[in-house]
Amino acid sequence: IIAGLERPIADQAVDTLDAYLKRGGHLLVLLGPRQGSEKLVKLLGDWGVKVGNDVVLDQEMRLFEGPRVGMAPLARSYGVHPITQGFRDATTYTRTRTVEPGAEGKKGLTATGLVKTGATAWAETNLEDLFGPGTASLDETDRKGPVTLAVAVEAKLKDMGVTPAPTEDARLVVFGTPTF
């Protein structure tokens, strides 16, 4: 489990995680905005997970206050997967980034989006203004919701060309927030 990195992860540790997955490991990554390293993001991409360099914002309705933008998007849409089987209630994901399936064209990898925001959310890409003066607005560089916040990957090691394959598969689950 990698949960909420306080500082960038060492390149050697990323290589160790890759080797662990290639031995049939199971890995859970809770990686919030501005956490990790380029090498970790690349590793996740190689294993079928696109990690966004963004923060997901959502319009919230407050009683007596009206609409406002918040950093805890609400989700009610869940992918078909054993992890989300039976989910029906709304869930929130505080201070999250996008995490999307990215296994297209990658032999042996099956990636499933686990949770999506509603249409009122968006992936804010101007992190300097968001974390600096605290301003954000939906513009042409941002992605309008629904956006995916978590992905599960099943890797068939033999199909990926991992030899010798010590087991049949490896599993990886990535959430875009460390607070999940």
C-alpha atoms as a PDB file:
ATOM      1  CA  ILE A   1       0.000   0.000   0.000  1.00  0.00           C
ATOM      2  CA  ILE A   2       1.216   3.452  -0.941  1.00  0.00           C
ATOM      3  CA  ALA A   3      -0.923   5.984   0.894  1.00  0.00           C
ATOM      4  CA  GLY A   4      -0.427   9.745   0.749  1.00  0.00           C
ATOM      5  CA  LEU A   5       3.231  10.286  -0.070  1.00  0.00           C
ATOM      6  CA  GLU A   6       4.714  13.202   1.858  1.00  0.00           C
ATOM      7  CA  ARG A   7       7.682  13.543  -0.526  1.00  0.00           C
ATOM      8  CA  PRO A   8       8.585  12.152  -3.949  1.00  0.00           C
ATOM      9  CA  ILE A   9       9.197   8.414  -4.003  1.00  0.00           C
ATOM     10  CA  ALA A  10      12.744   7.320  -4.866  1.00  0.00           C
ATOM     11  CA  ASP A  11      13.387   5.922  -8.345  1.00  0.00           C
ATOM     12  CA  GLN A  12      14.738   2.697  -6.808  1.00  0.00           C
ATOM     13  CA  ALA A  13      11.469   2.234  -4.876  1.00  0.00           C
ATOM     14  CA  VAL A  14       9.480   2.653  -8.120  1.00  0.00           C
ATOM     15  CA  ASP A  15      11.652  -0.008  -9.777  1.00  0.00           C
ATOM     16  CA  THR A  16      11.014  -2.297  -6.786  1.00  0.00           C
ATOM     17  CA  LEU A  17       7.239  -1.772  -7.121  1.00  0.00           C
ATOM     18  CA  ASP A  18       7.406  -2.651 -10.824  1.00  0.00           C
ATOM     19  CA  ALA A  19       9.326  -5.848 -10.052  1.00  0.00           C
ATOM     20  CA  TYR A  20       6.821  -6.680  -7.306  1.00  0.00           C
ATOM     21  CA  LEU A  21       3.884  -6.361  -9.716  1.00  0.00           C
ATOM     22  CA  LYS A  22       5.730  -8.492 -12.287  1.00  0.00           C
ATOM     23  CA  ARG A  23       5.984 -11.226  -9.637  1.00  0.00           C
ATOM     24  CA  GLY A  24       2.183 -11.197  -9.274  1.00  0.00           C
ATOM     25  CA  GLY A  25       1.956  -8.569  -6.560  1.00  0.00           C
ATOM     26  CA  HIS A  26      -1.158  -6.701  -5.493  1.00  0.00           C
ATOM     27  CA  LEU A  27      -0.750  -2.952  -4.986  1.00  0.00           C
ATOM     28  CA  LEU A  28      -3.062  -0.224  -3.683  1.00  0.00           C
ATOM     29  CA  VAL A  29      -1.982   3.361  -4.439  1.00  0.00           C
ATOM     30  CA  LEU A  30      -3.693   6.395  -2.861  1.00  0.00           C
ATOM     31  CA  LEU A  31      -2.019   9.272  -4.707  1.00  0.00           C
ATOM     32  CA  GLY A  32      -3.324  12.793  -4.232  1.00  0.00           C
ATOM     33  CA  PRO A  33      -2.685  15.910  -6.294  1.00  0.00           C
ATOM     34  CA  ARG A  34       0.961  16.988  -6.437  1.00  0.00           C
ATOM     35  CA  GLN A  35       2.121  13.735  -4.824  1.00  0.00           C
ATOM     36  CA  GLY A  36       4.469  11.066  -6.118  1.00  0.00           C
ATOM     37  CA  SER A  37       7.056  11.516  -8.831  1.00  0.00           C
ATOM     38  CA  GLU A  38       7.189  11.499 -12.611  1.00  0.00           C
ATOM     39  CA  LYS A  39       8.647   7.993 -12.516  1.00  0.00           C
ATOM     40  CA  LEU A  40       5.777   6.707 -10.337  1.00  0.00           C
ATOM     41  CA  VAL A  41       3.197   8.293 -12.662  1.00  0.00           C
ATOM     42  CA  LYS A  42       4.971   6.687 -15.635  1.00  0.00           C
ATOM     43  CA  LEU A  43       4.983   3.286 -13.880  1.00  0.00           C
ATOM     44  CA  LEU A  44       1.234   3.541 -13.253  1.00  0.00           C
ATOM     45  CA  GLY A  45       0.766   4.498 -16.910  1.00  0.00           C
ATOM     46  CA  ASP A  46       2.757   1.453 -18.010  1.00  0.00           C
ATOM     47  CA  TRP A  47       0.384  -0.673 -15.907  1.00  0.00           C
ATOM     48  CA  GLY A  48      -2.763   0.849 -17.482  1.00  0.00           C
ATOM     49  CA  VAL A  49      -3.558   3.839 -15.232  1.00  0.00           C
ATOM     50  CA  LYS A  50      -3.568   7.470 -16.424  1.00  0.00           C
ATOM     51  CA  VAL A  51      -2.891   9.791 -13.476  1.00  0.00           C
ATOM     52  CA  GLY A  52      -3.937  13.396 -14.117  1.00  0.00           C
ATOM     53  CA  ASN A  53      -1.918  16.457 -13.176  1.00  0.00           C
ATOM     54  CA  ASP A  54      -5.052  18.168 -11.902  1.00  0.00           C
ATOM     55  CA  VAL A  55      -7.465  18.584  -9.000  1.00  0.00           C
ATOM     56  CA  VAL A  56     -11.119  17.608  -9.299  1.00  0.00           C
ATOM     57  CA  LEU A  57     -13.511  20.355  -8.236  1.00  0.00           C
ATOM     58  CA  ASP A  58     -17.267  20.135  -7.940  1.00  0.00           C
ATOM     59  CA  GLN A  59     -20.126  22.544  -7.516  1.00  0.00           C
ATOM     60  CA  GLU A  60     -21.763  22.030  -4.138  1.00  0.00           C
ATOM     61  CA  MET A  61     -25.181  23.240  -3.058  1.00  0.00           C
ATOM     62  CA  ARG A  62     -25.313  24.535   0.510  1.00  0.00           C
ATOM     63  CA  LEU A  63     -28.533  25.168   2.368  1.00  0.00           C
ATOM     64  CA  PHE A  64     -28.947  28.941   2.885  1.00  0.00           C
ATOM     65  CA  GLU A  65     -25.716  29.606   0.919  1.00  0.00           C
ATOM     66  CA  GLY A  66     -26.462  28.385  -2.596  1.00  0.00           C
ATOM     67  CA  PRO A  67     -23.869  27.015  -5.022  1.00  0.00           C
ATOM     68  CA  ARG A  68     -20.118  27.103  -4.400  1.00  0.00           C
ATOM     69  CA  VAL A  69     -17.082  25.221  -5.691  1.00  0.00           C
ATOM     70  CA  GLY A  70     -15.546  22.605  -3.409  1.00  0.00           C
ATOM     71  CA  MET A  71     -12.613  20.195  -3.367  1.00  0.00           C
ATOM     72  CA  ALA A  72     -14.696  17.173  -2.317  1.00  0.00           C
ATOM     73  CA  PRO A  73     -16.439  15.927  -5.468  1.00  0.00           C
ATOM     74  CA  LEU A  74     -19.519  13.829  -5.015  1.00  0.00           C
ATOM     75  CA  ALA A  75     -19.765  10.525  -6.871  1.00  0.00           C
ATOM     76  CA  ARG A  76     -22.753   8.293  -7.520  1.00  0.00           C
ATOM     77  CA  SER A  77     -21.545   6.387 -10.568  1.00  0.00           C
ATOM     78  CA  TYR A  78     -19.552   3.184 -10.092  1.00  0.00           C
ATOM     79  CA  GLY A  79     -17.953   0.818 -12.589  1.00  0.00           C
ATOM     80  CA  VAL A  80     -18.767  -2.854 -12.840  1.00  0.00           C
ATOM     81  CA  HIS A  81     -16.145  -4.524 -10.658  1.00  0.00           C
ATOM     82  CA  PRO A  82     -16.086  -6.701  -7.509  1.00  0.00           C
ATOM     83  CA  ILE A  83     -14.702  -3.727  -5.527  1.00  0.00           C
ATOM     84  CA  THR A  84     -17.781  -1.604  -6.265  1.00  0.00           C
ATOM     85  CA  GLN A  85     -20.359  -4.371  -6.309  1.00  0.00           C
ATOM     86  CA  GLY A  86     -23.425  -3.197  -4.418  1.00  0.00           C
ATOM     87  CA  PHE A  87     -22.340   0.459  -4.166  1.00  0.00           C
ATOM     88  CA  ARG A  88     -25.430   2.654  -4.394  1.00  0.00           C
ATOM     89  CA  ASP A  89     -24.810   5.526  -1.989  1.00  0.00           C
ATOM     90  CA  ALA A  90     -23.041   8.757  -2.821  1.00  0.00           C
ATOM     91  CA  THR A  91     -19.388   9.010  -1.823  1.00  0.00           C
ATOM     92  CA  THR A  92     -17.016  11.969  -1.637  1.00  0.00           C
ATOM     93  CA  TYR A  93     -13.329  12.105  -2.469  1.00  0.00           C
ATOM     94  CA  THR A  94     -11.557  14.975  -0.744  1.00  0.00           C
ATOM     95  CA  ARG A  95      -8.709  16.682  -2.581  1.00  0.00           C
ATOM     96  CA  THR A  96      -8.533  14.223  -5.462  1.00  0.00           C
ATOM     97  CA  ARG A  97      -6.968  14.106  -8.898  1.00  0.00           C
ATOM     98  CA  THR A  98      -8.235  12.218 -11.938  1.00  0.00           C
ATOM     99  CA  VAL A  99      -7.246   8.581 -12.302  1.00  0.00           C
ATOM    100  CA  GLU A 100      -8.485   6.944 -15.483  1.00  0.00           C
ATOM    101  CA  PRO A 101      -8.205   3.636 -17.311  1.00  0.00           C
ATOM    102  CA  GLY A 102      -5.334   3.676 -19.781  1.00  0.00           C
ATOM    103  CA  ALA A 103      -4.880   0.061 -20.862  1.00  0.00           C
ATOM    104  CA  GLU A 104      -6.019   0.489 -24.477  1.00  0.00           C
ATOM    105  CA  GLY A 105      -3.582  -1.328 -26.745  1.00  0.00           C
ATOM    106  CA  LYS A 106      -1.622  -2.785 -23.816  1.00  0.00           C
ATOM    107  CA  LYS A 107      -1.596  -6.548 -24.089  1.00  0.00           C
ATOM    108  CA  GLY A 108      -2.611  -8.405 -20.946  1.00  0.00           C
ATOM    109  CA  LEU A 109      -4.005  -5.387 -19.078  1.00  0.00           C
ATOM    110  CA  THR A 110      -7.648  -4.786 -18.222  1.00  0.00           C
ATOM    111  CA  ALA A 111      -8.383  -1.452 -16.527  1.00  0.00           C
ATOM    112  CA  THR A 112     -11.779  -0.605 -15.046  1.00  0.00           C
ATOM    113  CA  GLY A 113     -12.894   2.830 -13.876  1.00  0.00           C
ATOM    114  CA  LEU A 114     -14.265   2.337 -10.370  1.00  0.00           C
ATOM    115  CA  VAL A 115     -15.902   5.679  -9.594  1.00  0.00           C
ATOM    116  CA  LYS A 116     -16.976   8.755 -11.583  1.00  0.00           C
ATOM    117  CA  THR A 117     -18.080  12.217 -10.577  1.00  0.00           C
ATOM    118  CA  GLY A 118     -21.237  13.855 -11.809  1.00  0.00           C
ATOM    119  CA  ALA A 119     -21.496  16.394 -14.606  1.00  0.00           C
ATOM    120  CA  THR A 120     -20.999  19.392 -12.270  1.00  0.00           C
ATOM    121  CA  ALA A 121     -17.387  18.395 -11.536  1.00  0.00           C
ATOM    122  CA  TRP A 122     -14.305  19.219 -13.570  1.00  0.00           C
ATOM    123  CA  ALA A 123     -10.566  18.505 -13.580  1.00  0.00           C
ATOM    124  CA  GLU A 124      -8.838  21.827 -12.843  1.00  0.00           C
ATOM    125  CA  THR A 125      -5.395  22.004 -14.455  1.00  0.00           C
ATOM    126  CA  ASN A 126      -4.274  25.445 -13.211  1.00  0.00           C
ATOM    127  CA  LEU A 127      -2.752  24.191  -9.973  1.00  0.00           C
ATOM    128  CA  GLU A 128      -0.662  27.321  -9.377  1.00  0.00           C
ATOM    129  CA  ASP A 129      -3.746  29.541  -9.073  1.00  0.00           C
ATOM    130  CA  LEU A 130      -5.683  26.892  -7.169  1.00  0.00           C
ATOM    131  CA  PHE A 131      -3.015  26.294  -4.519  1.00  0.00           C
ATOM    132  CA  GLY A 132      -1.682  29.876  -4.613  1.00  0.00           C
ATOM    133  CA  PRO A 133      -4.380  32.538  -4.452  1.00  0.00           C
ATOM    134  CA  GLY A 134      -7.092  29.866  -4.263  1.00  0.00           C
ATOM    135  CA  THR A 135      -8.917  30.679  -7.497  1.00  0.00           C
ATOM    136  CA  ALA A 136     -10.353  28.275 -10.052  1.00  0.00           C
ATOM    137  CA  SER A 137     -12.662  28.425 -13.015  1.00  0.00           C
ATOM    138  CA  LEU A 138     -13.675  25.990 -15.701  1.00  0.00           C
ATOM    139  CA  ASP A 139     -11.881  26.932 -18.923  1.00  0.00           C
ATOM    140  CA  GLU A 140     -10.753  25.285 -22.174  1.00  0.00           C
ATOM    141  CA  THR A 141      -7.696  23.601 -20.591  1.00  0.00           C
ATOM    142  CA  ASP A 142      -9.855  21.825 -17.985  1.00  0.00           C
ATOM    143  CA  ARG A 143     -11.902  18.653 -18.482  1.00  0.00           C
ATOM    144  CA  LYS A 144     -15.594  18.809 -17.703  1.00  0.00           C
ATOM    145  CA  GLY A 145     -17.153  15.991 -15.694  1.00  0.00           C
ATOM    146  CA  PRO A 146     -17.934  13.272 -15.329  1.00  0.00           C
ATOM    147  CA  VAL A 147     -14.301  12.347 -14.620  1.00  0.00           C
ATOM    148  CA  THR A 148     -12.917   9.109 -13.178  1.00  0.00           C
ATOM    149  CA  LEU A 149     -11.350   9.099  -9.700  1.00  0.00           C
ATOM    150  CA  ALA A 150     -10.193   5.484  -9.274  1.00  0.00           C
ATOM    151  CA  VAL A 151      -9.119   2.541 -11.417  1.00  0.00           C
ATOM    152  CA  ALA A 152      -8.601  -1.184 -10.888  1.00  0.00           C
ATOM    153  CA  VAL A 153      -6.233  -3.115 -13.151  1.00  0.00           C
ATOM    154  CA  GLU A 154      -5.932  -6.829 -13.665  1.00  0.00           C
ATOM    155  CA  ALA A 155      -2.711  -7.848 -15.396  1.00  0.00           C
ATOM    156  CA  LYS A 156      -2.341 -11.230 -17.085  1.00  0.00           C
ATOM    157  CA  LEU A 157       1.431 -11.560 -16.728  1.00  0.00           C
ATOM    158  CA  LYS A 158       1.986 -14.184 -19.455  1.00  0.00           C
ATOM    159  CA  ASP A 159      -0.010 -12.099 -21.937  1.00  0.00           C
ATOM    160  CA  MET A 160       2.154  -9.110 -21.024  1.00  0.00           C
ATOM    161  CA  GLY A 161       5.275 -11.098 -21.885  1.00  0.00           C
ATOM    162  CA  VAL A 162       6.519 -11.377 -18.308  1.00  0.00           C
ATOM    163  CA  THR A 163       8.695 -14.512 -18.218  1.00  0.00           C
ATOM    164  CA  PRO A 164       8.832 -16.517 -16.215  1.00  0.00           C
ATOM    165  CA  ALA A 165       5.427 -15.558 -14.856  1.00  0.00           C
ATOM    166  CA  PRO A 166       5.429 -16.742 -11.232  1.00  0.00           C
ATOM    167  CA  THR A 167       1.643 -16.422 -11.002  1.00  0.00           C
ATOM    168  CA  GLU A 168      -1.126 -15.803 -13.491  1.00  0.00           C
ATOM    169  CA  ASP A 169      -1.946 -12.220 -12.629  1.00  0.00           C
ATOM    170  CA  ALA A 170      -1.101  -9.040 -10.760  1.00  0.00           C
ATOM    171  CA  ARG A 171      -3.576  -6.501  -9.440  1.00  0.00           C
ATOM    172  CA  LEU A 172      -3.359  -2.756  -9.049  1.00  0.00           C
ATOM    173  CA  VAL A 173      -5.902  -0.293  -7.635  1.00  0.00           C
ATOM    174  CA  VAL A 174      -5.264   3.459  -7.760  1.00  0.00           C
ATOM    175  CA  PHE A 175      -7.300   6.241  -6.130  1.00  0.00           C
ATOM    176  CA  GLY A 176      -6.613   9.923  -6.791  1.00  0.00           C
ATOM    177  CA  THR A 177      -6.791  10.860  -3.115  1.00  0.00           C
ATOM    178  CA  PRO A 178      -4.862   9.734  -0.046  1.00  0.00           C
ATOM    179  CA  THR A 179      -7.878  10.327   2.183  1.00  0.00           C
ATOM    180  CA  PHE A 180      -9.968   7.504   0.750  1.00  0.00           C
END
